[in-house]
């Protein structure tokens, strides 16, 4: 099969053996693969896959089940499925754990489905499980700041936080991205290029929870606008890996800083998050309460161009590789 790997920052398309499903796994003919910032970091050589996982790029897929490993009982050959993988998505065929698999609903294309797992599992982990937003809509006193609001994760985070009843501020750049975030329900939209996000959020009442995809460059601003007993969850490092922490503010405001990654979680935790995707998110996508925020698709052969598009921050929502023309 054909598959994309990376060496010294360069994407390489080459041949790889078709994987064989182990117990509890599905072999999926990939129709679409979602792109994520983690793919760009892995391609640069700074984010290797967990031990034992595929060196092939990509963390989320949609496609058709071709074979079943021992003990698989919830899926059949021919099922259309999507789900999260720890690697291997940029390929003709990929292994998917049964516990991380979702059946495609009739209203979702393969391309749309491939845009969902990484973003929605990430925001569920960080807003619901770690950030303690409440699904009953009673989080109306919680004030949430989401950085990179027009990204795939940001778009999902706005929708989930608003469903929980939270007040939501976001940072983004262009006029188009600002309008996109307002349409998703953001209460305060900040142009980080022209405005001091910390001053804007603080003037509006501060933040109780910050979902930060930027890291180092935003630490000081995050601390300034984070309220007493507030929590900052760092899930990305676009702004660098180092920053100076104000321990005085940390102590006086009783602030908490939490680091979080989805990829390194044990399979059991990922399975719990997938169950939330099946039971809570998918019905709301089907009903129209939540939107699929797909920005653009690229052909499988255009993986390098897709990476460049994402690296240049052109996307509004998710970017997906379309494998061998299937949009069924």
Protein backbone atom coordinates (compact mmCIF):
# COMPACT_ATOMS: atom_id res chain seq x y z
CA UNK A 1 0.00 0.00 0.00
CA UNK A 2 1.01 3.64 -0.32
CA UNK A 3 1.64 5.66 2.82
CA UNK A 4 3.10 8.98 3.94
CA UNK A 5 6.01 9.12 6.39
CA UNK A 6 8.49 11.90 7.15
CA UNK A 7 12.26 12.15 7.34
CA UNK A 8 14.19 15.26 8.38
CA UNK A 9 11.12 17.42 7.92
CA UNK A 10 10.27 16.14 4.44
CA UNK A 11 7.11 14.16 3.66
CA UNK A 12 7.81 10.92 1.81
CA UNK A 13 5.28 8.85 -0.14
CA UNK A 14 6.28 5.23 -0.39
CA UNK A 15 5.25 1.60 -0.11
CA UNK A 16 4.41 -0.03 3.20
CA UNK A 17 3.00 -3.44 4.09
CA UNK A 18 -0.74 -3.73 4.63
CA UNK A 19 -1.13 -4.16 8.40
CA UNK A 20 -2.77 -7.21 9.92
CA UNK A 21 -5.42 -6.63 12.59
CA UNK A 22 -4.59 -7.97 16.03
CA UNK A 23 -7.20 -8.96 18.59
CA UNK A 24 -9.76 -6.20 19.03
CA UNK A 25 -8.73 -4.31 15.88
CA UNK A 26 -10.34 -3.48 12.54
CA UNK A 27 -8.51 -3.25 9.23
CA UNK A 28 -9.97 -0.21 7.48
CA UNK A 29 -9.62 0.83 3.86
CA UNK A 30 -9.04 4.53 4.42
CA UNK A 31 -11.32 6.92 2.56
CA UNK A 32 -10.29 10.07 4.41
CA UNK A 33 -7.75 11.13 7.02
CA UNK A 34 -7.92 14.24 9.18
CA UNK A 35 -4.93 16.58 9.54
CA UNK A 36 -3.75 17.92 12.88
CA UNK A 37 -1.00 20.16 14.19
CA UNK A 38 0.52 17.08 15.78
CA UNK A 39 1.13 15.72 12.27
CA UNK A 40 3.18 18.80 11.40
CA UNK A 41 5.22 18.48 14.59
CA UNK A 42 5.78 14.77 13.98
CA UNK A 43 6.88 15.49 10.41
CA UNK A 44 9.44 17.97 11.77
CA UNK A 45 10.94 15.21 13.91
CA UNK A 46 9.84 16.64 17.25
CA UNK A 47 6.86 14.41 18.10
CA UNK A 48 7.59 10.73 17.51
CA UNK A 49 4.73 8.23 17.76
CA UNK A 50 4.34 6.32 21.02
CA UNK A 51 6.44 3.13 21.28
CA UNK A 52 5.06 0.36 19.11
CA UNK A 53 2.82 2.62 17.02
CA UNK A 54 3.08 3.18 13.27
CA UNK A 55 5.60 5.65 11.88
CA UNK A 56 3.04 6.55 9.22
CA UNK A 57 1.55 10.00 9.79
CA UNK A 58 -2.03 10.71 10.79
CA UNK A 59 -4.29 10.38 13.82
CA UNK A 60 -7.87 10.03 12.54
CA UNK A 61 -9.55 8.13 9.75
CA UNK A 62 -12.82 7.20 8.12
CA UNK A 63 -13.41 4.32 5.75
CA UNK A 64 -14.69 0.79 5.23
CA UNK A 65 -13.96 -2.26 7.39
CA UNK A 66 -12.14 -4.93 5.37
CA UNK A 67 -11.12 -7.43 8.06
CA UNK A 68 -11.65 -8.10 11.76
CA UNK A 69 -9.18 -9.14 14.41
CA UNK A 70 -9.97 -11.84 16.92
CA UNK A 71 -12.69 -10.95 19.39
CA UNK A 72 -14.24 -8.07 17.45
CA UNK A 73 -17.98 -8.31 17.97
CA UNK A 74 -19.42 -4.82 17.47
CA UNK A 75 -18.49 -4.35 13.81
CA UNK A 76 -18.77 -6.26 10.55
CA UNK A 77 -16.83 -6.34 7.30
CA UNK A 78 -18.32 -3.65 5.08
CA UNK A 79 -19.25 -1.26 7.90
CA UNK A 80 -18.41 2.40 7.36
CA UNK A 81 -16.51 3.58 10.43
CA UNK A 82 -14.35 6.40 11.72
CA UNK A 83 -12.14 6.88 14.72
CA UNK A 84 -8.92 7.91 16.42
CA UNK A 85 -5.60 6.15 15.78
CA UNK A 86 -2.17 6.65 17.33
CA UNK A 87 -0.58 6.73 13.87
CA UNK A 88 -1.02 5.27 10.42
CA UNK A 89 -3.87 7.36 8.98
CA UNK A 90 -2.06 8.71 5.90
CA UNK A 91 -2.24 5.37 4.12
CA UNK A 92 -4.46 3.19 1.96
CA UNK A 93 -5.15 0.88 4.91
CA UNK A 94 -5.02 1.48 8.65
CA UNK A 95 -5.68 -0.40 11.88
CA UNK A 96 -8.38 0.95 14.17
CA UNK A 97 -9.14 -0.30 17.67
CA UNK A 98 -12.69 -1.57 18.08
CA UNK A 99 -13.05 0.50 21.25
CA UNK A 100 -12.12 3.69 19.36
CA UNK A 101 -14.40 3.02 16.38
CA UNK A 102 -17.70 4.73 15.56
CA UNK A 103 -20.23 3.75 12.93
CA UNK A 104 -20.83 6.51 10.43
CA UNK A 105 -24.29 8.01 10.62
CA UNK A 106 -26.09 8.34 7.29
CA UNK A 107 -25.78 12.12 7.20
CA UNK A 108 -21.97 12.08 7.44
CA UNK A 109 -19.59 11.65 4.53
CA UNK A 110 -16.24 9.93 5.06
CA UNK A 111 -14.52 13.30 4.72
CA UNK A 112 -16.74 14.93 7.35
CA UNK A 113 -16.35 11.97 9.72
CA UNK A 114 -12.55 12.03 9.44
CA UNK A 115 -12.60 15.62 10.71
CA UNK A 116 -14.21 14.71 14.03
CA UNK A 117 -12.28 12.34 16.35
CA UNK A 118 -9.13 14.25 17.29
CA UNK A 119 -10.88 17.60 17.78
CA UNK A 120 -13.91 16.37 19.71
CA UNK A 121 -12.04 13.88 21.90
CA UNK A 122 -9.51 16.60 22.72
CA UNK A 123 -12.12 19.13 23.79
CA UNK A 124 -14.13 16.56 25.73
CA UNK A 125 -11.02 15.51 27.64
CA UNK A 126 -9.99 19.06 28.44
CA UNK A 127 -13.27 20.93 28.91
CA UNK A 128 -15.40 18.23 30.50
CA UNK A 129 -13.04 15.82 32.27
CA UNK A 130 -10.19 18.16 33.24
CA UNK A 131 -11.95 21.53 33.08
CA UNK A 132 -15.12 20.31 34.85
CA UNK A 133 -17.67 22.03 32.61
CA UNK A 134 -21.08 20.48 33.21
CA UNK A 135 -23.12 18.88 30.46
CA UNK A 136 -26.45 19.83 32.02
CA UNK A 137 -25.97 23.41 30.80
CA UNK A 138 -25.45 24.75 34.31
CA UNK A 139 -21.94 26.13 33.70
CA UNK A 140 -23.40 29.58 33.07
CA UNK A 141 -21.11 31.12 35.66
CA UNK A 142 -17.98 29.66 34.07
CA UNK A 143 -15.96 31.93 31.82
CA UNK A 144 -13.87 30.13 29.19
CA UNK A 145 -11.06 31.52 27.01
CA UNK A 146 -10.19 29.44 23.95
CA UNK A 147 -7.09 30.29 21.93
CA UNK A 148 -7.04 29.64 18.16
CA UNK A 149 -10.81 29.63 18.10
CA UNK A 150 -11.05 29.04 14.33
CA UNK A 151 -8.94 25.87 14.41
CA UNK A 152 -10.56 22.44 14.35
CA UNK A 153 -10.11 22.06 18.10
CA UNK A 154 -11.15 25.66 18.72
CA UNK A 155 -14.37 25.28 16.73
CA UNK A 156 -15.32 22.13 18.62
CA UNK A 157 -14.41 23.77 21.93
CA UNK A 158 -16.64 26.79 21.31
CA UNK A 159 -19.61 24.56 20.56
CA UNK A 160 -19.09 22.24 23.52
CA UNK A 161 -18.48 25.09 25.99
CA UNK A 162 -21.62 26.91 24.83
CA UNK A 163 -23.63 23.69 25.13
CA UNK A 164 -22.49 23.58 28.75
CA UNK A 165 -23.80 27.12 29.26
CA UNK A 166 -20.41 28.81 29.59
CA UNK A 167 -19.47 32.34 28.52
CA UNK A 168 -16.82 31.98 25.81
CA UNK A 169 -14.04 34.28 24.62
CA UNK A 170 -11.72 33.32 21.77
CA UNK A 171 -8.61 34.61 20.07
CA UNK A 172 -8.19 34.44 16.30
CA UNK A 173 -6.92 36.56 13.41
CA UNK A 174 -8.73 37.41 10.17
CA UNK A 175 -12.14 38.97 9.77
CA UNK A 176 -13.37 35.70 8.23
CA UNK A 177 -12.16 33.70 11.22
CA UNK A 178 -13.72 36.17 13.62
CA UNK A 179 -17.10 35.87 11.87
CA UNK A 180 -16.80 32.07 11.91
CA UNK A 181 -16.27 32.03 15.67
CA UNK A 182 -19.21 34.38 16.28
CA UNK A 183 -21.43 32.08 14.21
CA UNK A 184 -20.41 29.18 16.46
CA UNK A 185 -21.50 31.17 19.52
CA UNK A 186 -18.41 32.94 20.86
CA UNK A 187 -19.38 35.83 23.15
CA UNK A 188 -16.12 37.77 22.87
CA UNK A 189 -13.93 37.59 19.74
CA UNK A 190 -10.41 39.00 20.02
CA UNK A 191 -8.03 39.73 17.16
CA UNK A 192 -4.73 38.73 18.75
CA UNK A 193 -2.79 40.68 16.10
CA UNK A 194 -4.31 44.02 17.07
CA UNK A 195 -5.59 43.56 20.61
CA UNK A 196 -4.10 42.59 23.96
CA UNK A 197 -6.13 39.46 24.63
CA UNK A 198 -5.37 39.49 28.36
CA UNK A 199 -6.59 43.09 28.74
CA UNK A 200 -9.73 42.37 26.72
CA UNK A 201 -10.63 39.26 28.68
CA UNK A 202 -9.83 40.85 32.02
CA UNK A 203 -12.00 43.88 31.20
CA UNK A 204 -14.86 41.52 30.35
CA UNK A 205 -14.63 39.72 33.71
CA UNK A 206 -11.65 37.41 33.31
CA UNK A 207 -11.49 33.70 32.56
CA UNK A 208 -12.08 30.75 34.89
CA UNK A 209 -10.82 28.20 32.38
CA UNK A 210 -8.33 28.69 29.52
CA UNK A 211 -7.82 26.16 26.74
CA UNK A 212 -4.39 27.08 25.38
CA UNK A 213 -2.99 25.74 22.13
CA UNK A 214 -0.17 28.31 22.01
CA UNK A 215 2.00 27.66 25.06
CA UNK A 216 5.06 29.73 25.94
CA UNK A 217 4.27 33.07 24.33
CA UNK A 218 0.82 33.24 25.96
CA UNK A 219 1.68 32.18 29.51
CA UNK A 220 2.05 35.69 30.93
CA UNK A 221 -1.16 36.92 29.31
CA UNK A 222 -3.03 33.85 30.42
CA UNK A 223 -1.96 34.39 34.01
CA UNK A 224 -3.01 38.05 33.91
CA UNK A 225 -6.57 37.32 32.85
CA UNK A 226 -7.08 34.04 34.71
CA UNK A 227 -9.39 34.55 37.68
CA UNK A 228 -8.92 33.32 41.22
CA UNK A 229 -9.04 29.53 41.43
CA UNK A 230 -8.85 29.47 37.63
CA UNK A 231 -7.33 26.71 35.54
CA UNK A 232 -5.18 26.92 32.42
CA UNK A 233 -4.96 23.75 30.32
CA UNK A 234 -2.06 23.75 27.86
CA UNK A 235 -2.60 21.45 24.88
CA UNK A 236 -0.24 22.96 22.28
CA UNK A 237 3.09 24.69 21.92
CA UNK A 238 2.78 26.86 18.81
CA UNK A 239 4.19 29.78 20.81
CA UNK A 240 7.20 27.91 22.20
CA UNK A 241 8.06 25.45 24.93
CA UNK A 242 9.49 27.90 27.48
CA UNK A 243 8.14 30.92 29.35
CA UNK A 244 8.59 32.72 32.65
CA UNK A 245 5.97 31.78 35.22
CA UNK A 246 4.76 34.45 37.65
CA UNK A 247 4.70 32.45 40.87
CA UNK A 248 3.25 35.41 42.74
CA UNK A 249 0.09 35.38 40.63
CA UNK A 250 0.02 31.59 40.78
CA UNK A 251 -0.08 31.70 44.58
CA UNK A 252 -2.23 34.76 45.19
CA UNK A 253 -4.87 33.75 42.63
CA UNK A 254 -4.58 30.01 43.44
CA UNK A 255 -4.13 29.32 39.74
CA UNK A 256 -3.72 25.83 38.31
CA UNK A 257 -1.77 24.96 35.18
CA UNK A 258 -2.45 21.57 33.61
CA UNK A 259 -0.60 19.97 30.71
CA UNK A 260 -2.62 17.63 28.52
CA UNK A 261 -2.12 15.47 25.42
CA UNK A 262 -4.57 13.01 23.89
CA UNK A 263 -2.14 10.80 21.99
CA UNK A 264 -0.30 9.45 25.03
CA UNK A 265 -3.43 8.48 26.97
CA UNK A 266 -3.92 4.76 27.62
CA UNK A 267 -6.37 2.95 25.37
CA UNK A 268 -8.99 2.68 28.11
CA UNK A 269 -9.17 6.46 28.57
CA UNK A 270 -9.43 7.02 24.83
CA UNK A 271 -12.23 4.45 24.71
CA UNK A 272 -14.16 6.40 27.36
CA UNK A 273 -13.76 9.59 25.33
CA UNK A 274 -14.92 7.77 22.19
CA UNK A 275 -18.04 6.64 24.04
CA UNK A 276 -18.80 10.28 24.81
CA UNK A 277 -18.37 11.06 21.10
CA UNK A 278 -20.85 8.31 20.22
CA UNK A 279 -23.44 9.10 22.87
CA UNK A 280 -23.29 12.90 23.18
CA UNK A 281 -21.61 14.53 20.20
CA UNK A 282 -22.84 12.46 17.23
CA UNK A 283 -26.56 12.81 18.06
CA UNK A 284 -26.08 16.59 18.24
CA UNK A 285 -24.27 16.61 14.92
CA UNK A 286 -27.12 14.59 13.45
CA UNK A 287 -29.71 17.02 14.84
CA UNK A 288 -27.77 20.09 13.68
CA UNK A 289 -27.06 21.39 17.18
CA UNK A 290 -23.32 20.89 16.55
CA UNK A 291 -21.67 21.73 13.24
CA UNK A 292 -19.08 19.80 11.30
CA UNK A 293 -16.46 22.49 10.66
CA UNK A 294 -14.70 21.17 7.57
CA UNK A 295 -12.57 23.79 5.83
CA UNK A 296 -10.94 22.06 2.88
CA UNK A 297 -9.99 18.68 1.48
CA UNK A 298 -6.79 17.73 -0.32
CA UNK A 299 -6.12 14.70 -2.49
CA UNK A 300 -4.03 11.95 -0.92
CA UNK A 301 -1.14 12.86 -3.23
CA UNK A 302 -1.23 16.46 -1.94
CA UNK A 303 -0.28 15.76 1.67
CA UNK A 304 2.68 18.15 1.56
CA UNK A 305 0.47 20.97 0.24
CA UNK A 306 -2.09 20.20 2.95
CA UNK A 307 0.61 20.45 5.62
CA UNK A 308 1.75 23.79 4.23
CA UNK A 309 -1.84 25.08 4.16
CA UNK A 310 -2.26 24.15 7.83
CA UNK A 311 1.16 25.52 8.78
CA UNK A 312 0.28 28.89 7.24
CA UNK A 313 -2.92 29.09 9.34
CA UNK A 314 -5.14 29.36 6.27
CA UNK A 315 -7.71 26.92 7.61
CA UNK A 316 -11.01 27.82 9.22
CA UNK A 317 -11.93 24.52 10.86
CA UNK A 318 -10.55 21.14 9.84
CA UNK A 319 -8.42 20.01 6.87
CA UNK A 320 -8.80 16.46 5.55
CA UNK A 321 -6.93 14.24 3.07
CA UNK A 322 -9.31 12.51 0.70
CA UNK A 323 -7.93 9.08 -0.12
CA UNK A 324 -8.46 7.76 -3.62
CA UNK A 325 -11.46 9.93 -4.36
CA UNK A 326 -14.03 8.46 -1.97
CA UNK A 327 -16.53 10.94 -0.51
CA UNK A 328 -19.32 8.41 0.05
